[in-house]
Amino acid sequence: MICDIAKVSKSGYYCSLKNNNADKDKKDYLIIKEIFDKSRSKYGWRSIQMHLRLDYGLTMNHKKIIRIKNKYNLTTKIRRKNPYKMIMKKTQEHHTFNNILDRKFKQNVPGKVLCTDITYLYYGQCSKAYLSAVKDIASKEIVSWQLSNNLSMKFVLDSIDNLKNIKTISCETIIHSDQGFHYTNPEFIEKIKVLNLRQSMSRKGNCIDNAPMESFFGHLKDEIDCKEIKTFSELNDIINKYMNYYNNYRYQWNLKKMIPVKYRHHLLSKSV
């Protein structure tokens, strides 16, 4: 009857209804795509959902986000496992330590357990730089880092020396690493003693024992495009900016959807 009054055919009505339903996701899609593009196609539904709520004030069911991503072919790039392993011979004066951490990665006291490692970064015309970083595994915060164009002991020692300014660190703090040349070096061991830290090491050839650092380096390499970087100075600036972003702006699902710095304050307030 309504079709007759409006002088619209039944087929025309249903065609119009179908077209309207096809565009019902358009507004949500544009917001999701904006978040997705900013991540360089790296965000899954969890990260998108966090940014929708925290940046746009929107609450959206994860099933809807997945449906819209599939509908508009927003395919998330999956991070590949990095098979790179650093193998260096140790002299007799180098020695290892027991694995005190023993994969107890779920910590809720900031400064209680730190993990450290070194990774490589290619930039320019096949130039290589090395990044030494220290991560607090309770807050997921990167508390210290140093970039170098060589594998000297100095840049690793400098990254550890910066820890003396971290207020949450105490004589009970554990610093965990692999059995790499730098961490079994007498200079490194002495530096740890001076800072009054407890040294822990992964089992030989077992990168999972230091999974928090492996995970961080994987995300860093996914989210930073080093191909267009031409100089070491430029790379250093970008690394510093990324660390600031990671600690102060990057929401994490497992941190109650907080940034690492805010989550550290949250944990400290709970312990008071």
C-alpha atoms as a PDB file:
ATOM      1  CA  MET A   1       0.000   0.000   0.000  1.00  0.00           C
ATOM      2  CA  ILE A   2       2.817   2.404   0.922  1.00  0.00           C
ATOM      3  CA  CYS A   3       4.607   1.540  -2.329  1.00  0.00           C
ATOM      4  CA  ASP A   4       1.395   2.272  -4.239  1.00  0.00           C
ATOM      5  CA  ILE A   5       0.941   5.618  -2.452  1.00  0.00           C
ATOM      6  CA  ALA A   6       4.604   6.589  -3.077  1.00  0.00           C
ATOM      7  CA  LYS A   7       4.344   5.254  -6.644  1.00  0.00           C
ATOM      8  CA  VAL A   8       7.409   3.046  -6.076  1.00  0.00           C
ATOM      9  CA  SER A   9       7.668  -0.520  -7.343  1.00  0.00           C
ATOM     10  CA  LYS A  10       8.286  -3.319  -4.871  1.00  0.00           C
ATOM     11  CA  SER A  11      11.550  -4.224  -6.618  1.00  0.00           C
ATOM     12  CA  GLY A  12      12.675  -0.595  -6.431  1.00  0.00           C
ATOM     13  CA  TYR A  13      11.910  -0.463  -2.692  1.00  0.00           C
ATOM     14  CA  TYR A  14      13.914  -3.596  -1.932  1.00  0.00           C
ATOM     15  CA  CYS A  15      16.790  -2.425  -4.131  1.00  0.00           C
ATOM     16  CA  SER A  16      16.906   0.871  -2.195  1.00  0.00           C
ATOM     17  CA  LEU A  17      16.777  -1.006   1.117  1.00  0.00           C
ATOM     18  CA  LYS A  18      19.672  -3.209   0.038  1.00  0.00           C
ATOM     19  CA  ASN A  19      21.777  -0.175  -0.948  1.00  0.00           C
ATOM     20  CA  ASN A  20      21.128   1.520   2.411  1.00  0.00           C
ATOM     21  CA  ASN A  21      22.205  -1.615   4.290  1.00  0.00           C
ATOM     22  CA  ALA A  22      25.362  -1.802   2.205  1.00  0.00           C
ATOM     23  CA  ASP A  23      26.379   1.672   3.417  1.00  0.00           C
ATOM     24  CA  LYS A  24      25.470   1.190   7.086  1.00  0.00           C
ATOM     25  CA  ASP A  25      29.099   0.422   8.003  1.00  0.00           C
ATOM     26  CA  LYS A  26      30.586   3.295   6.018  1.00  0.00           C
ATOM     27  CA  LYS A  27      30.967   5.735   8.915  1.00  0.00           C
ATOM     28  CA  ASP A  28      32.491   3.120  11.258  1.00  0.00           C
ATOM     29  CA  TYR A  29      34.715   1.848   8.444  1.00  0.00           C
ATOM     30  CA  LEU A  30      36.233   5.298   7.849  1.00  0.00           C
ATOM     31  CA  ILE A  31      37.194   5.632  11.534  1.00  0.00           C
ATOM     32  CA  ILE A  32      38.585   2.094  11.700  1.00  0.00           C
ATOM     33  CA  LYS A  33      40.521   2.637   8.473  1.00  0.00           C
ATOM     34  CA  GLU A  34      42.048   5.849   9.844  1.00  0.00           C
ATOM     35  CA  ILE A  35      43.324   3.966  12.913  1.00  0.00           C
ATOM     36  CA  PHE A  36      44.415   1.016  10.762  1.00  0.00           C
ATOM     37  CA  ASP A  37      46.340   3.211   8.309  1.00  0.00           C
ATOM     38  CA  LYS A  38      48.135   5.053  11.124  1.00  0.00           C
ATOM     39  CA  SER A  39      49.422   1.674  12.340  1.00  0.00           C
ATOM     40  CA  ARG A  40      50.718   0.888   8.831  1.00  0.00           C
ATOM     41  CA  SER A  41      48.339  -2.099   8.677  1.00  0.00           C
ATOM     42  CA  LYS A  42      49.765  -3.602  11.890  1.00  0.00           C
ATOM     43  CA  TYR A  43      46.764  -3.289  14.268  1.00  0.00           C
ATOM     44  CA  GLY A  44      44.428  -6.194  14.990  1.00  0.00           C
ATOM     45  CA  TRP A  45      40.939  -5.832  16.494  1.00  0.00           C
ATOM     46  CA  ARG A  46      42.262  -5.411  20.067  1.00  0.00           C
ATOM     47  CA  SER A  47      44.427  -2.394  19.242  1.00  0.00           C
ATOM     48  CA  ILE A  48      41.700  -0.870  17.075  1.00  0.00           C
ATOM     49  CA  GLN A  49      39.127  -1.348  19.846  1.00  0.00           C
ATOM     50  CA  MET A  50      41.429   0.356  22.380  1.00  0.00           C
ATOM     51  CA  HIS A  51      42.009   3.367  20.101  1.00  0.00           C
ATOM     52  CA  LEU A  52      38.299   3.654  19.300  1.00  0.00           C
ATOM     53  CA  ARG A  53      37.480   3.890  22.994  1.00  0.00           C
ATOM     54  CA  LEU A  54      40.445   5.936  24.197  1.00  0.00           C
ATOM     55  CA  ASP A  55      40.952   8.288  21.228  1.00  0.00           C
ATOM     56  CA  TYR A  56      37.429   8.585  19.787  1.00  0.00           C
ATOM     57  CA  GLY A  57      35.233   7.786  22.790  1.00  0.00           C
ATOM     58  CA  LEU A  58      33.532   4.979  20.842  1.00  0.00           C
ATOM     59  CA  THR A  59      32.628   1.540  22.160  1.00  0.00           C
ATOM     60  CA  MET A  60      32.502  -1.117  19.465  1.00  0.00           C
ATOM     61  CA  ASN A  61      32.068  -4.872  19.750  1.00  0.00           C
ATOM     62  CA  HIS A  62      35.082  -6.865  18.584  1.00  0.00           C
ATOM     63  CA  LYS A  63      32.885  -8.956  16.264  1.00  0.00           C
ATOM     64  CA  LYS A  64      31.798  -5.800  14.455  1.00  0.00           C
ATOM     65  CA  ILE A  65      35.407  -4.618  14.075  1.00  0.00           C
ATOM     66  CA  ILE A  66      36.417  -8.011  12.652  1.00  0.00           C
ATOM     67  CA  ARG A  67      33.401  -8.004  10.296  1.00  0.00           C
ATOM     68  CA  ILE A  68      34.191  -4.501   8.993  1.00  0.00           C
ATOM     69  CA  LYS A  69      37.887  -5.363   8.563  1.00  0.00           C
ATOM     70  CA  ASN A  70      36.950  -8.456   6.566  1.00  0.00           C
ATOM     71  CA  LYS A  71      34.278  -6.600   4.580  1.00  0.00           C
ATOM     72  CA  TYR A  72      36.682  -3.876   3.446  1.00  0.00           C
ATOM     73  CA  ASN A  73      39.787  -6.107   3.178  1.00  0.00           C
ATOM     74  CA  LEU A  74      41.740  -4.462   6.012  1.00  0.00           C
ATOM     75  CA  THR A  75      44.210  -7.302   6.401  1.00  0.00           C
ATOM     76  CA  THR A  76      46.585  -7.070   9.364  1.00  0.00           C
ATOM     77  CA  LYS A  77      50.242  -7.762   8.631  1.00  0.00           C
ATOM     78  CA  ILE A  78      51.454 -10.617  10.813  1.00  0.00           C
ATOM     79  CA  ARG A  79      54.851 -10.238  12.439  1.00  0.00           C
ATOM     80  CA  ARG A  80      57.198 -13.046  11.478  1.00  0.00           C
ATOM     81  CA  LYS A  81      59.439 -14.718  13.998  1.00  0.00           C
ATOM     82  CA  ASN A  82      63.004 -13.514  13.891  1.00  0.00           C
ATOM     83  CA  PRO A  83      65.442 -16.465  13.630  1.00  0.00           C
ATOM     84  CA  TYR A  84      68.505 -14.255  14.197  1.00  0.00           C
ATOM     85  CA  LYS A  85      70.787 -15.480  16.964  1.00  0.00           C
ATOM     86  CA  MET A  86      74.011 -13.882  18.091  1.00  0.00           C
ATOM     87  CA  ILE A  87      76.734 -16.498  18.692  1.00  0.00           C
ATOM     88  CA  MET A  88      80.118 -15.439  20.055  1.00  0.00           C
ATOM     89  CA  LYS A  89      82.883 -17.454  21.665  1.00  0.00           C
ATOM     90  CA  LYS A  90      83.577 -16.791  25.318  1.00  0.00           C
ATOM     91  CA  THR A  91      86.995 -16.673  26.931  1.00  0.00           C
ATOM     92  CA  GLN A  92      87.733 -18.513  30.178  1.00  0.00           C
ATOM     93  CA  GLU A  93      87.316 -15.336  32.216  1.00  0.00           C
ATOM     94  CA  HIS A  94      83.703 -15.004  31.040  1.00  0.00           C
ATOM     95  CA  HIS A  95      81.138 -16.890  33.104  1.00  0.00           C
ATOM     96  CA  THR A  96      77.394 -17.353  33.251  1.00  0.00           C
ATOM     97  CA  PHE A  97      74.745 -17.077  35.991  1.00  0.00           C
ATOM     98  CA  ASN A  98      71.769 -19.187  36.982  1.00  0.00           C
ATOM     99  CA  ASN A  99      68.350 -18.515  35.478  1.00  0.00           C
ATOM    100  CA  ILE A 100      66.801 -16.859  38.557  1.00  0.00           C
ATOM    101  CA  LEU A 101      63.896 -15.439  36.555  1.00  0.00           C
ATOM    102  CA  ASP A 102      62.894 -18.884  35.224  1.00  0.00           C
ATOM    103  CA  ARG A 103      60.258 -17.399  32.858  1.00  0.00           C
ATOM    104  CA  LYS A 104      58.288 -15.750  35.663  1.00  0.00           C
ATOM    105  CA  PHE A 105      57.265 -12.963  33.292  1.00  0.00           C
ATOM    106  CA  LYS A 106      54.066 -12.000  35.132  1.00  0.00           C
ATOM    107  CA  GLN A 107      55.318  -9.412  37.613  1.00  0.00           C
ATOM    108  CA  ASN A 108      53.309  -6.693  39.365  1.00  0.00           C
ATOM    109  CA  VAL A 109      56.077  -4.753  41.137  1.00  0.00           C
ATOM    110  CA  PRO A 110      57.844  -2.126  38.991  1.00  0.00           C
ATOM    111  CA  GLY A 111      61.630  -2.349  39.176  1.00  0.00           C
ATOM    112  CA  LYS A 112      61.644  -5.907  40.517  1.00  0.00           C
ATOM    113  CA  VAL A 113      62.663  -7.634  37.254  1.00  0.00           C
ATOM    114  CA  LEU A 114      64.455  -6.080  34.278  1.00  0.00           C
ATOM    115  CA  CYS A 115      65.285  -7.783  30.992  1.00  0.00           C
ATOM    116  CA  THR A 116      67.982  -6.643  28.591  1.00  0.00           C
ATOM    117  CA  ASP A 117      69.197  -7.635  25.145  1.00  0.00           C
ATOM    118  CA  ILE A 118      70.833  -6.365  21.950  1.00  0.00           C
ATOM    119  CA  THR A 119      69.344  -6.314  18.462  1.00  0.00           C
ATOM    120  CA  TYR A 120      70.509  -5.106  15.058  1.00  0.00           C
ATOM    121  CA  LEU A 121      68.886  -2.513  12.764  1.00  0.00           C
ATOM    122  CA  TYR A 122      69.689  -2.138   9.049  1.00  0.00           C
ATOM    123  CA  TYR A 123      69.439   1.330   7.513  1.00  0.00           C
ATOM    124  CA  GLY A 124      70.708   3.293   4.491  1.00  0.00           C
ATOM    125  CA  GLN A 125      72.870   1.343   2.072  1.00  0.00           C
ATOM    126  CA  CYS A 126      73.014  -1.869   4.122  1.00  0.00           C
ATOM    127  CA  SER A 127      74.502  -0.084   7.134  1.00  0.00           C
ATOM    128  CA  LYS A 128      73.970  -1.808  10.475  1.00  0.00           C
ATOM    129  CA  ALA A 129      73.375  -0.342  13.935  1.00  0.00           C
ATOM    130  CA  TYR A 130      72.958  -2.080  17.284  1.00  0.00           C
ATOM    131  CA  LEU A 131      70.385  -1.296  19.948  1.00  0.00           C
ATOM    132  CA  SER A 132      70.816  -2.209  23.616  1.00  0.00           C
ATOM    133  CA  ALA A 133      67.613  -1.881  25.656  1.00  0.00           C
ATOM    134  CA  VAL A 134      66.403  -2.602  29.194  1.00  0.00           C
ATOM    135  CA  LYS A 135      62.747  -3.406  29.861  1.00  0.00           C
ATOM    136  CA  ASP A 136      60.823  -3.434  33.138  1.00  0.00           C
ATOM    137  CA  ILE A 137      58.625  -6.498  32.659  1.00  0.00           C
ATOM    138  CA  ALA A 138      56.031  -5.406  35.228  1.00  0.00           C
ATOM    139  CA  SER A 139      55.102  -2.141  33.488  1.00  0.00           C
ATOM    140  CA  LYS A 140      56.473  -3.153  30.025  1.00  0.00           C
ATOM    141  CA  GLU A 141      58.324   0.175  30.053  1.00  0.00           C
ATOM    142  CA  ILE A 142      61.685   0.571  28.295  1.00  0.00           C
ATOM    143  CA  VAL A 143      63.685   2.164  31.091  1.00  0.00           C
ATOM    144  CA  SER A 144      67.013   2.536  29.266  1.00  0.00           C
ATOM    145  CA  TRP A 145      68.443   2.217  25.747  1.00  0.00           C
ATOM    146  CA  GLN A 146      71.557   3.012  23.721  1.00  0.00           C
ATOM    147  CA  LEU A 147      72.225   2.894  19.982  1.00  0.00           C
ATOM    148  CA  SER A 148      75.676   2.148  18.535  1.00  0.00           C
ATOM    149  CA  ASN A 149      77.250   1.556  15.138  1.00  0.00           C
ATOM    150  CA  ASN A 150      79.461  -1.183  16.608  1.00  0.00           C
ATOM    151  CA  LEU A 151      79.305  -3.975  19.181  1.00  0.00           C
ATOM    152  CA  SER A 152      81.690  -2.413  21.677  1.00  0.00           C
ATOM    153  CA  MET A 153      81.175  -2.974  25.397  1.00  0.00           C
ATOM    154  CA  LYS A 154      80.711   0.746  26.001  1.00  0.00           C
ATOM    155  CA  PHE A 155      77.208   1.159  24.598  1.00  0.00           C
ATOM    156  CA  VAL A 156      75.949  -1.859  26.573  1.00  0.00           C
ATOM    157  CA  LEU A 157      77.574  -0.573  29.768  1.00  0.00           C
ATOM    158  CA  ASP A 158      76.075   2.879  29.142  1.00  0.00           C
ATOM    159  CA  SER A 159      72.583   1.392  28.818  1.00  0.00           C
ATOM    160  CA  ILE A 160      73.087  -0.338  32.189  1.00  0.00           C
ATOM    161  CA  ASP A 161      74.666   2.689  33.837  1.00  0.00           C
ATOM    162  CA  ASN A 162      71.485   4.693  33.148  1.00  0.00           C
ATOM    163  CA  LEU A 163      69.631   2.408  35.566  1.00  0.00           C
ATOM    164  CA  LYS A 164      71.124   4.196  38.570  1.00  0.00           C
ATOM    165  CA  ASN A 165      68.593   6.993  37.941  1.00  0.00           C
ATOM    166  CA  ILE A 166      65.561   4.668  38.141  1.00  0.00           C
ATOM    167  CA  LYS A 167      63.861   5.136  41.531  1.00  0.00           C
ATOM    168  CA  THR A 168      61.989   1.807  41.502  1.00  0.00           C
ATOM    169  CA  ILE A 169      65.210  -0.240  41.362  1.00  0.00           C
ATOM    170  CA  SER A 170      66.537  -1.755  44.599  1.00  0.00           C
ATOM    171  CA  CYS A 171      69.056  -4.322  45.823  1.00  0.00           C
ATOM    172  CA  GLU A 172      66.396  -6.988  45.153  1.00  0.00           C
ATOM    173  CA  THR A 173      66.143  -6.100  41.465  1.00  0.00           C
ATOM    174  CA  ILE A 174      66.924  -8.907  39.015  1.00  0.00           C
ATOM    175  CA  ILE A 175      68.430  -8.090  35.623  1.00  0.00           C
ATOM    176  CA  HIS A 176      67.988 -10.927  33.136  1.00  0.00           C
ATOM    177  CA  SER A 177      69.812 -11.453  29.826  1.00  0.00           C
ATOM    178  CA  ASP A 178      70.962 -14.188  27.482  1.00  0.00           C
ATOM    179  CA  GLN A 179      74.470 -15.671  27.620  1.00  0.00           C
ATOM    180  CA  GLY A 180      75.843 -13.277  25.027  1.00  0.00           C
ATOM    181  CA  PHE A 181      79.447 -12.092  25.027  1.00  0.00           C
ATOM    182  CA  HIS A 182      78.599  -8.723  26.565  1.00  0.00           C
ATOM    183  CA  TYR A 183      76.652 -10.116  29.516  1.00  0.00           C
ATOM    184  CA  THR A 184      79.281 -12.663  30.529  1.00  0.00           C
ATOM    185  CA  ASN A 185      82.021 -10.037  30.212  1.00  0.00           C
ATOM    186  CA  PRO A 186      83.840  -9.175  33.500  1.00  0.00           C
ATOM    187  CA  GLU A 187      83.187  -5.456  32.895  1.00  0.00           C
ATOM    188  CA  PHE A 188      79.447  -6.037  32.665  1.00  0.00           C
ATOM    189  CA  ILE A 189      79.428  -8.294  35.736  1.00  0.00           C
ATOM    190  CA  GLU A 190      81.328  -5.651  37.719  1.00  0.00           C
ATOM    191  CA  LYS A 191      78.892  -2.947  36.587  1.00  0.00           C
ATOM    192  CA  ILE A 192      75.963  -5.061  37.845  1.00  0.00           C
ATOM    193  CA  LYS A 193      77.712  -5.493  41.210  1.00  0.00           C
ATOM    194  CA  VAL A 194      78.311  -1.749  41.517  1.00  0.00           C
ATOM    195  CA  LEU A 195      74.606  -1.099  40.897  1.00  0.00           C
ATOM    196  CA  ASN A 196      73.798  -3.784  43.494  1.00  0.00           C
ATOM    197  CA  LEU A 197      71.612  -5.814  41.103  1.00  0.00           C
ATOM    198  CA  ARG A 198      71.119  -9.576  40.897  1.00  0.00           C
ATOM    199  CA  GLN A 199      72.207 -11.118  37.605  1.00  0.00           C
ATOM    200  CA  SER A 200      70.161 -13.837  35.864  1.00  0.00           C
ATOM    201  CA  MET A 201      70.709 -15.545  32.494  1.00  0.00           C
ATOM    202  CA  SER A 202      68.719 -17.583  30.005  1.00  0.00           C
ATOM    203  CA  ARG A 203      69.691 -21.140  29.320  1.00  0.00           C
ATOM    204  CA  LYS A 204      72.105 -21.515  26.417  1.00  0.00           C
ATOM    205  CA  GLY A 205      70.398 -21.245  23.039  1.00  0.00           C
ATOM    206  CA  ASN A 206      66.950 -20.716  24.574  1.00  0.00           C
ATOM    207  CA  CYS A 207      65.599 -17.338  23.417  1.00  0.00           C
ATOM    208  CA  ILE A 208      62.180 -17.976  25.009  1.00  0.00           C
ATOM    209  CA  ASP A 209      63.807 -17.478  28.433  1.00  0.00           C
ATOM    210  CA  ASN A 210      64.132 -13.802  27.457  1.00  0.00           C
ATOM    211  CA  ALA A 211      60.788 -13.552  25.641  1.00  0.00           C
ATOM    212  CA  PRO A 212      59.885  -9.997  26.843  1.00  0.00           C
ATOM    213  CA  MET A 213      62.850  -8.531  24.959  1.00  0.00           C
ATOM    214  CA  GLU A 214      62.310 -10.704  21.882  1.00  0.00           C
ATOM    215  CA  SER A 215      58.707  -9.485  21.776  1.00  0.00           C
ATOM    216  CA  PHE A 216      59.640  -5.810  22.140  1.00  0.00           C
ATOM    217  CA  PHE A 217      62.315  -5.903  19.438  1.00  0.00           C
ATOM    218  CA  GLY A 218      59.861  -7.643  17.123  1.00  0.00           C
ATOM    219  CA  HIS A 219      57.278  -4.887  17.567  1.00  0.00           C
ATOM    220  CA  LEU A 220      59.903  -2.166  17.179  1.00  0.00           C
ATOM    221  CA  LYS A 221      61.089  -3.568  13.842  1.00  0.00           C
ATOM    222  CA  ASP A 222      57.500  -3.916  12.690  1.00  0.00           C
ATOM    223  CA  GLU A 223      56.576  -0.347  13.552  1.00  0.00           C
ATOM    224  CA  ILE A 224      59.737   1.450  12.382  1.00  0.00           C
ATOM    225  CA  ASP A 225      60.605   1.509   8.696  1.00  0.00           C
ATOM    226  CA  CYS A 226      64.405   1.784   8.557  1.00  0.00           C
ATOM    227  CA  LYS A 227      64.633   1.498   4.761  1.00  0.00           C
ATOM    228  CA  GLU A 228      64.308   5.248   4.194  1.00  0.00           C
ATOM    229  CA  ILE A 229      66.733   6.215   6.974  1.00  0.00           C
ATOM    230  CA  LYS A 230      70.056   7.345   5.528  1.00  0.00           C
ATOM    231  CA  THR A 231      72.264   8.272   8.501  1.00  0.00           C
ATOM    232  CA  PHE A 232      73.044   6.942  11.964  1.00  0.00           C
ATOM    233  CA  SER A 233      72.055  10.294  13.476  1.00  0.00           C
ATOM    234  CA  GLU A 234      68.635  10.105  11.837  1.00  0.00           C
ATOM    235  CA  LEU A 235      68.178   6.540  13.051  1.00  0.00           C
ATOM    236  CA  ASN A 236      69.093   7.575  16.596  1.00  0.00           C
ATOM    237  CA  ASP A 237      66.472  10.352  16.523  1.00  0.00           C
ATOM    238  CA  ILE A 238      63.791   7.958  15.278  1.00  0.00           C
ATOM    239  CA  ILE A 239      64.650   5.366  17.938  1.00  0.00           C
ATOM    240  CA  ASN A 240      64.387   8.015  20.670  1.00  0.00           C
ATOM    241  CA  LYS A 241      61.003   9.144  19.327  1.00  0.00           C
ATOM    242  CA  TYR A 242      59.766   5.561  19.160  1.00  0.00           C
ATOM    243  CA  MET A 243      60.804   4.882  22.772  1.00  0.00           C
ATOM    244  CA  ASN A 244      58.900   7.971  23.862  1.00  0.00           C
ATOM    245  CA  TYR A 245      55.869   6.795  21.870  1.00  0.00           C
ATOM    246  CA  TYR A 246      56.111   3.243  23.235  1.00  0.00           C
ATOM    247  CA  ASN A 247      56.363   4.350  26.866  1.00  0.00           C
ATOM    248  CA  ASN A 248      53.959   7.296  26.792  1.00  0.00           C
ATOM    249  CA  TYR A 249      51.421   6.814  23.992  1.00  0.00           C
ATOM    250  CA  ARG A 250      51.159   3.162  22.913  1.00  0.00           C
ATOM    251  CA  TYR A 251      48.182   1.460  24.570  1.00  0.00           C
ATOM    252  CA  GLN A 252      48.661  -2.218  25.450  1.00  0.00           C
ATOM    253  CA  TRP A 253      45.847  -4.704  25.855  1.00  0.00           C
ATOM    254  CA  ASN A 254      47.558  -6.646  28.641  1.00  0.00           C
ATOM    255  CA  LEU A 255      48.221  -3.484  30.661  1.00  0.00           C
ATOM    256  CA  LYS A 256      44.500  -2.930  31.269  1.00  0.00           C
ATOM    257  CA  LYS A 257      44.526  -0.900  28.033  1.00  0.00           C
ATOM    258  CA  MET A 258      46.986   1.614  29.527  1.00  0.00           C
ATOM    259  CA  ILE A 259      50.329   2.961  28.353  1.00  0.00           C
ATOM    260  CA  PRO A 260      53.423   1.582  30.183  1.00  0.00           C
ATOM    261  CA  VAL A 261      54.140   4.768  32.186  1.00  0.00           C
ATOM    262  CA  LYS A 262      50.547   5.060  33.358  1.00  0.00           C
ATOM    263  CA  TYR A 263      50.460   1.355  34.208  1.00  0.00           C
ATOM    264  CA  ARG A 264      53.613   1.771  36.330  1.00  0.00           C
ATOM    265  CA  HIS A 265      51.866   4.483  38.349  1.00  0.00           C
ATOM    266  CA  HIS A 266      48.842   2.204  38.624  1.00  0.00           C
ATOM    267  CA  LEU A 267      50.959  -0.651  40.053  1.00  0.00           C
ATOM    268  CA  LEU A 268      52.782   1.663  42.468  1.00  0.00           C
ATOM    269  CA  SER A 269      49.497   3.105  43.758  1.00  0.00           C
ATOM    270  CA  LYS A 270      48.227  -0.404  44.461  1.00  0.00           C
ATOM    271  CA  SER A 271      51.304  -1.227  46.542  1.00  0.00           C
ATOM    272  CA  VAL A 272      50.939   1.836  48.795  1.00  0.00           C
END
